[in-house]
């Protein structure tokens, strides 16, 4: 009975600590965003643009993006002349790609290359954003396919392990 109580207390304590860590992580993302915001204002980004990109930027930070990577992505898009809704859309695409499993830094590079490719085709405005979105969707599909292949391979290995365990239990070790 004492062991049960001790284990229950340990489990409750672990849940309590996990809640504290999540809260600390959220505070950390907010603090990092505040630092990025201050630097972007110094670089000339408008307060409206910063407010528009806040949710996807915080998402990228929570997904493991570093302050320098996120700031670099934003400055790259700003240097390419994107503002307002276009900037917000592009930052959202980077965040969305990161949610799909692409590292944040790579997500920024994919979007940047897509912008360059669309620009070479002479696309601007909504046509450029649409082309970039199509390229991002293709990359997300590739990531999904890779995850599916890894999952299938993992399942095959698990099945082989289960068969091996079954055979050893039948015939002994």
C-alpha atoms as a PDB file:
ATOM      1  CA  UNK A   1       0.000   0.000   0.000  1.00  0.00           C
ATOM      2  CA  UNK A   2       2.860   2.354   0.818  1.00  0.00           C
ATOM      3  CA  UNK A   3       4.394   1.659  -2.600  1.00  0.00           C
ATOM      4  CA  UNK A   4       1.125   2.520  -4.309  1.00  0.00           C
ATOM      5  CA  UNK A   5       0.905   5.844  -2.464  1.00  0.00           C
ATOM      6  CA  UNK A   6       4.553   6.616  -3.237  1.00  0.00           C
ATOM      7  CA  UNK A   7       4.058   5.855  -6.945  1.00  0.00           C
ATOM      8  CA  UNK A   8       0.858   7.913  -7.039  1.00  0.00           C
ATOM      9  CA  UNK A   9       2.629  10.864  -5.407  1.00  0.00           C
ATOM     10  CA  UNK A  10       5.480  10.547  -7.895  1.00  0.00           C
ATOM     11  CA  UNK A  11       3.061  10.544 -10.841  1.00  0.00           C
ATOM     12  CA  UNK A  12       1.210  13.586  -9.497  1.00  0.00           C
ATOM     13  CA  UNK A  13       4.509  15.387  -8.963  1.00  0.00           C
ATOM     14  CA  UNK A  14       5.603  14.572 -12.526  1.00  0.00           C
ATOM     15  CA  UNK A  15       2.367  16.011 -13.951  1.00  0.00           C
ATOM     16  CA  UNK A  16       2.821  19.114 -11.844  1.00  0.00           C
ATOM     17  CA  UNK A  17       6.379  19.609 -13.092  1.00  0.00           C
ATOM     18  CA  UNK A  18       5.373  19.076 -16.723  1.00  0.00           C
ATOM     19  CA  UNK A  19       2.818  21.877 -16.321  1.00  0.00           C
ATOM     20  CA  UNK A  20       5.512  24.166 -14.949  1.00  0.00           C
ATOM     21  CA  UNK A  21       7.844  23.371 -17.850  1.00  0.00           C
ATOM     22  CA  UNK A  22       5.122  24.141 -20.396  1.00  0.00           C
ATOM     23  CA  UNK A  23       4.477  27.466 -18.696  1.00  0.00           C
ATOM     24  CA  UNK A  24       8.183  28.259 -18.619  1.00  0.00           C
ATOM     25  CA  UNK A  25       8.488  27.389 -22.314  1.00  0.00           C
ATOM     26  CA  UNK A  26       5.583  29.718 -23.168  1.00  0.00           C
ATOM     27  CA  UNK A  27       7.188  32.510 -21.189  1.00  0.00           C
ATOM     28  CA  UNK A  28      10.473  31.858 -22.959  1.00  0.00           C
ATOM     29  CA  UNK A  29       8.807  32.091 -26.406  1.00  0.00           C
ATOM     30  CA  UNK A  30       7.215  35.401 -25.411  1.00  0.00           C
ATOM     31  CA  UNK A  31      10.536  36.747 -24.144  1.00  0.00           C
ATOM     32  CA  UNK A  32      12.366  35.696 -27.303  1.00  0.00           C
ATOM     33  CA  UNK A  33       9.626  37.201 -29.466  1.00  0.00           C
ATOM     34  CA  UNK A  34       9.948  40.481 -27.552  1.00  0.00           C
ATOM     35  CA  UNK A  35      13.671  40.538 -28.343  1.00  0.00           C
ATOM     36  CA  UNK A  36      13.035  39.780 -32.020  1.00  0.00           C
ATOM     37  CA  UNK A  37      10.328  42.457 -32.121  1.00  0.00           C
ATOM     38  CA  UNK A  38      12.697  45.092 -30.735  1.00  0.00           C
ATOM     39  CA  UNK A  39      15.355  44.230 -33.314  1.00  0.00           C
ATOM     40  CA  UNK A  40      12.855  44.243 -36.181  1.00  0.00           C
ATOM     41  CA  UNK A  41      11.575  47.673 -35.187  1.00  0.00           C
ATOM     42  CA  UNK A  42      15.169  48.921 -35.266  1.00  0.00           C
ATOM     43  CA  UNK A  43      15.543  47.442 -38.760  1.00  0.00           C
ATOM     44  CA  UNK A  44      12.475  49.336 -39.938  1.00  0.00           C
ATOM     45  CA  UNK A  45       9.661  46.787 -39.838  1.00  0.00           C
ATOM     46  CA  UNK A  46       6.303  48.350 -39.058  1.00  0.00           C
ATOM     47  CA  UNK A  47       4.423  47.568 -35.852  1.00  0.00           C
ATOM     48  CA  UNK A  48       1.486  46.299 -37.945  1.00  0.00           C
ATOM     49  CA  UNK A  49       3.690  43.832 -39.817  1.00  0.00           C
ATOM     50  CA  UNK A  50       5.221  42.605 -36.569  1.00  0.00           C
ATOM     51  CA  UNK A  51       1.784  42.098 -35.040  1.00  0.00           C
ATOM     52  CA  UNK A  52       0.648  40.212 -38.167  1.00  0.00           C
ATOM     53  CA  UNK A  53       3.577  37.785 -38.032  1.00  0.00           C
ATOM     54  CA  UNK A  54       3.512  37.281 -34.252  1.00  0.00           C
ATOM     55  CA  UNK A  55       1.495  34.015 -34.172  1.00  0.00           C
ATOM     56  CA  UNK A  56       3.553  32.158 -36.817  1.00  0.00           C
ATOM     57  CA  UNK A  57       6.811  33.489 -35.362  1.00  0.00           C
ATOM     58  CA  UNK A  58       5.864  32.250 -31.894  1.00  0.00           C
ATOM     59  CA  UNK A  59       4.908  28.921 -33.442  1.00  0.00           C
ATOM     60  CA  UNK A  60       8.320  28.633 -35.124  1.00  0.00           C
ATOM     61  CA  UNK A  61      10.018  29.425 -31.811  1.00  0.00           C
ATOM     62  CA  UNK A  62       7.942  26.799 -30.014  1.00  0.00           C
ATOM     63  CA  UNK A  63       8.899  24.262 -32.689  1.00  0.00           C
ATOM     64  CA  UNK A  64      12.579  24.741 -31.896  1.00  0.00           C
ATOM     65  CA  UNK A  65      13.499  27.621 -34.153  1.00  0.00           C
ATOM     66  CA  UNK A  66      16.301  29.725 -32.760  1.00  0.00           C
ATOM     67  CA  UNK A  67      16.050  33.462 -32.346  1.00  0.00           C
ATOM     68  CA  UNK A  68      18.723  34.014 -34.996  1.00  0.00           C
ATOM     69  CA  UNK A  69      17.038  31.671 -37.498  1.00  0.00           C
ATOM     70  CA  UNK A  70      13.629  33.305 -37.110  1.00  0.00           C
ATOM     71  CA  UNK A  71      15.079  36.799 -37.243  1.00  0.00           C
ATOM     72  CA  UNK A  72      17.091  35.859 -40.346  1.00  0.00           C
ATOM     73  CA  UNK A  73      13.955  34.557 -42.091  1.00  0.00           C
ATOM     74  CA  UNK A  74      12.034  37.735 -41.291  1.00  0.00           C
ATOM     75  CA  UNK A  75      14.865  40.016 -42.387  1.00  0.00           C
ATOM     76  CA  UNK A  76      15.267  38.045 -45.622  1.00  0.00           C
ATOM     77  CA  UNK A  77      11.598  38.466 -46.465  1.00  0.00           C
ATOM     78  CA  UNK A  78      11.711  42.118 -45.490  1.00  0.00           C
ATOM     79  CA  UNK A  79      14.808  42.677 -47.676  1.00  0.00           C
ATOM     80  CA  UNK A  80      12.921  41.130 -50.596  1.00  0.00           C
ATOM     81  CA  UNK A  81      10.320  43.855 -50.171  1.00  0.00           C
ATOM     82  CA  UNK A  82       7.453  41.920 -48.625  1.00  0.00           C
ATOM     83  CA  UNK A  83       5.061  43.776 -46.336  1.00  0.00           C
ATOM     84  CA  UNK A  84       1.554  43.480 -45.007  1.00  0.00           C
ATOM     85  CA  UNK A  85      -0.552  40.506 -46.062  1.00  0.00           C
ATOM     86  CA  UNK A  86       2.148  39.109 -48.357  1.00  0.00           C
ATOM     87  CA  UNK A  87       4.699  39.081 -45.524  1.00  0.00           C
ATOM     88  CA  UNK A  88       2.169  37.546 -43.171  1.00  0.00           C
ATOM     89  CA  UNK A  89       1.301  34.842 -45.720  1.00  0.00           C
ATOM     90  CA  UNK A  90       4.937  33.956 -46.355  1.00  0.00           C
ATOM     91  CA  UNK A  91       5.823  33.775 -42.652  1.00  0.00           C
ATOM     92  CA  UNK A  92       2.731  31.609 -42.155  1.00  0.00           C
ATOM     93  CA  UNK A  93       3.991  29.285 -44.903  1.00  0.00           C
ATOM     94  CA  UNK A  94       7.363  28.958 -43.153  1.00  0.00           C
ATOM     95  CA  UNK A  95       5.580  28.159 -39.893  1.00  0.00           C
ATOM     96  CA  UNK A  96       3.238  25.691 -41.588  1.00  0.00           C
ATOM     97  CA  UNK A  97       6.148  23.890 -43.205  1.00  0.00           C
ATOM     98  CA  UNK A  98       7.899  23.725 -39.836  1.00  0.00           C
ATOM     99  CA  UNK A  99       4.731  22.175 -38.323  1.00  0.00           C
ATOM    100  CA  UNK A 100       4.989  19.485 -40.989  1.00  0.00           C
ATOM    101  CA  UNK A 101       8.379  18.437 -39.678  1.00  0.00           C
ATOM    102  CA  UNK A 102      10.831  20.548 -41.659  1.00  0.00           C
ATOM    103  CA  UNK A 103      13.364  22.309 -39.412  1.00  0.00           C
ATOM    104  CA  UNK A 104      12.607  26.039 -39.108  1.00  0.00           C
ATOM    105  CA  UNK A 105      15.842  27.111 -40.794  1.00  0.00           C
ATOM    106  CA  UNK A 106      15.191  24.762 -43.731  1.00  0.00           C
ATOM    107  CA  UNK A 107      11.576  25.932 -43.934  1.00  0.00           C
ATOM    108  CA  UNK A 108      12.787  29.484 -44.389  1.00  0.00           C
ATOM    109  CA  UNK A 109      15.210  28.347 -47.090  1.00  0.00           C
ATOM    110  CA  UNK A 110      12.456  26.436 -48.929  1.00  0.00           C
ATOM    111  CA  UNK A 111      10.192  29.497 -48.956  1.00  0.00           C
ATOM    112  CA  UNK A 112      13.064  31.768 -49.988  1.00  0.00           C
ATOM    113  CA  UNK A 113      13.993  29.467 -52.894  1.00  0.00           C
ATOM    114  CA  UNK A 114      10.338  29.268 -53.910  1.00  0.00           C
ATOM    115  CA  UNK A 115      10.198  33.073 -53.965  1.00  0.00           C
ATOM    116  CA  UNK A 116      13.290  33.203 -56.148  1.00  0.00           C
ATOM    117  CA  UNK A 117      11.847  30.598 -58.507  1.00  0.00           C
ATOM    118  CA  UNK A 118       8.556  32.451 -58.792  1.00  0.00           C
ATOM    119  CA  UNK A 119      10.373  35.755 -59.320  1.00  0.00           C
ATOM    120  CA  UNK A 120      12.410  34.253 -62.155  1.00  0.00           C
ATOM    121  CA  UNK A 121       9.122  33.360 -63.818  1.00  0.00           C
ATOM    122  CA  UNK A 122       8.155  37.015 -63.583  1.00  0.00           C
ATOM    123  CA  UNK A 123       5.428  36.470 -61.014  1.00  0.00           C
ATOM    124  CA  UNK A 124       4.482  39.219 -58.579  1.00  0.00           C
ATOM    125  CA  UNK A 125       1.876  39.856 -55.925  1.00  0.00           C
ATOM    126  CA  UNK A 126      -0.829  37.256 -55.483  1.00  0.00           C
ATOM    127  CA  UNK A 127       0.497  35.124 -58.347  1.00  0.00           C
ATOM    128  CA  UNK A 128       3.896  34.902 -56.641  1.00  0.00           C
ATOM    129  CA  UNK A 129       2.314  34.042 -53.268  1.00  0.00           C
ATOM    130  CA  UNK A 130       0.162  31.369 -54.941  1.00  0.00           C
ATOM    131  CA  UNK A 131       3.185  29.813 -56.672  1.00  0.00           C
ATOM    132  CA  UNK A 132       5.159  29.798 -53.407  1.00  0.00           C
ATOM    133  CA  UNK A 133       2.190  28.176 -51.624  1.00  0.00           C
ATOM    134  CA  UNK A 134       2.097  25.448 -54.288  1.00  0.00           C
ATOM    135  CA  UNK A 135       5.812  24.773 -53.821  1.00  0.00           C
ATOM    136  CA  UNK A 136       5.403  24.659 -50.038  1.00  0.00           C
ATOM    137  CA  UNK A 137       2.495  22.217 -50.414  1.00  0.00           C
ATOM    138  CA  UNK A 138       4.689  19.996 -52.600  1.00  0.00           C
ATOM    139  CA  UNK A 139       7.389  19.977 -49.912  1.00  0.00           C
ATOM    140  CA  UNK A 140       4.804  19.161 -47.237  1.00  0.00           C
ATOM    141  CA  UNK A 141       3.596  16.243 -49.379  1.00  0.00           C
ATOM    142  CA  UNK A 142       7.184  15.002 -49.662  1.00  0.00           C
ATOM    143  CA  UNK A 143       7.601  15.212 -45.888  1.00  0.00           C
ATOM    144  CA  UNK A 144       4.355  13.343 -45.369  1.00  0.00           C
ATOM    145  CA  UNK A 145       5.486  10.613 -47.755  1.00  0.00           C
ATOM    146  CA  UNK A 146       8.831  10.342 -45.972  1.00  0.00           C
ATOM    147  CA  UNK A 147       7.064  10.054 -42.611  1.00  0.00           C
ATOM    148  CA  UNK A 148       4.810   7.357 -44.068  1.00  0.00           C
ATOM    149  CA  UNK A 149       7.797   5.394 -45.325  1.00  0.00           C
ATOM    150  CA  UNK A 150       9.567   5.677 -41.982  1.00  0.00           C
ATOM    151  CA  UNK A 151       6.405   4.607 -40.166  1.00  0.00           C
ATOM    152  CA  UNK A 152       5.950   1.617 -42.467  1.00  0.00           C
ATOM    153  CA  UNK A 153       9.577   0.595 -41.999  1.00  0.00           C
ATOM    154  CA  UNK A 154       9.221   0.916 -38.237  1.00  0.00           C
ATOM    155  CA  UNK A 155       6.084  -1.237 -38.327  1.00  0.00           C
ATOM    156  CA  UNK A 156       7.887  -3.895 -40.368  1.00  0.00           C
ATOM    157  CA  UNK A 157      10.720  -3.970 -37.841  1.00  0.00           C
ATOM    158  CA  UNK A 158       8.229  -4.226 -34.987  1.00  0.00           C
ATOM    159  CA  UNK A 159       6.458  -7.117 -36.749  1.00  0.00           C
ATOM    160  CA  UNK A 160       9.773  -8.946 -37.210  1.00  0.00           C
ATOM    161  CA  UNK A 161      10.581  -8.415 -33.537  1.00  0.00           C
ATOM    162  CA  UNK A 162       7.153  -9.769 -32.520  1.00  0.00           C
ATOM    163  CA  UNK A 163       7.627 -12.820 -34.735  1.00  0.00           C
ATOM    164  CA  UNK A 164      11.061 -13.419 -33.233  1.00  0.00           C
ATOM    165  CA  UNK A 165       9.613 -13.167 -29.705  1.00  0.00           C
ATOM    166  CA  UNK A 166       6.815 -15.537 -30.662  1.00  0.00           C
ATOM    167  CA  UNK A 167       9.231 -18.117 -32.043  1.00  0.00           C
ATOM    168  CA  UNK A 168      11.495 -17.964 -28.984  1.00  0.00           C
ATOM    169  CA  UNK A 169       8.496 -18.354 -26.671  1.00  0.00           C
ATOM    170  CA  UNK A 170       7.358 -21.429 -28.613  1.00  0.00           C
ATOM    171  CA  UNK A 171      10.765 -23.100 -28.888  1.00  0.00           C
ATOM    172  CA  UNK A 172      12.374 -21.625 -25.807  1.00  0.00           C
ATOM    173  CA  UNK A 173      15.499 -19.617 -25.769  1.00  0.00           C
END
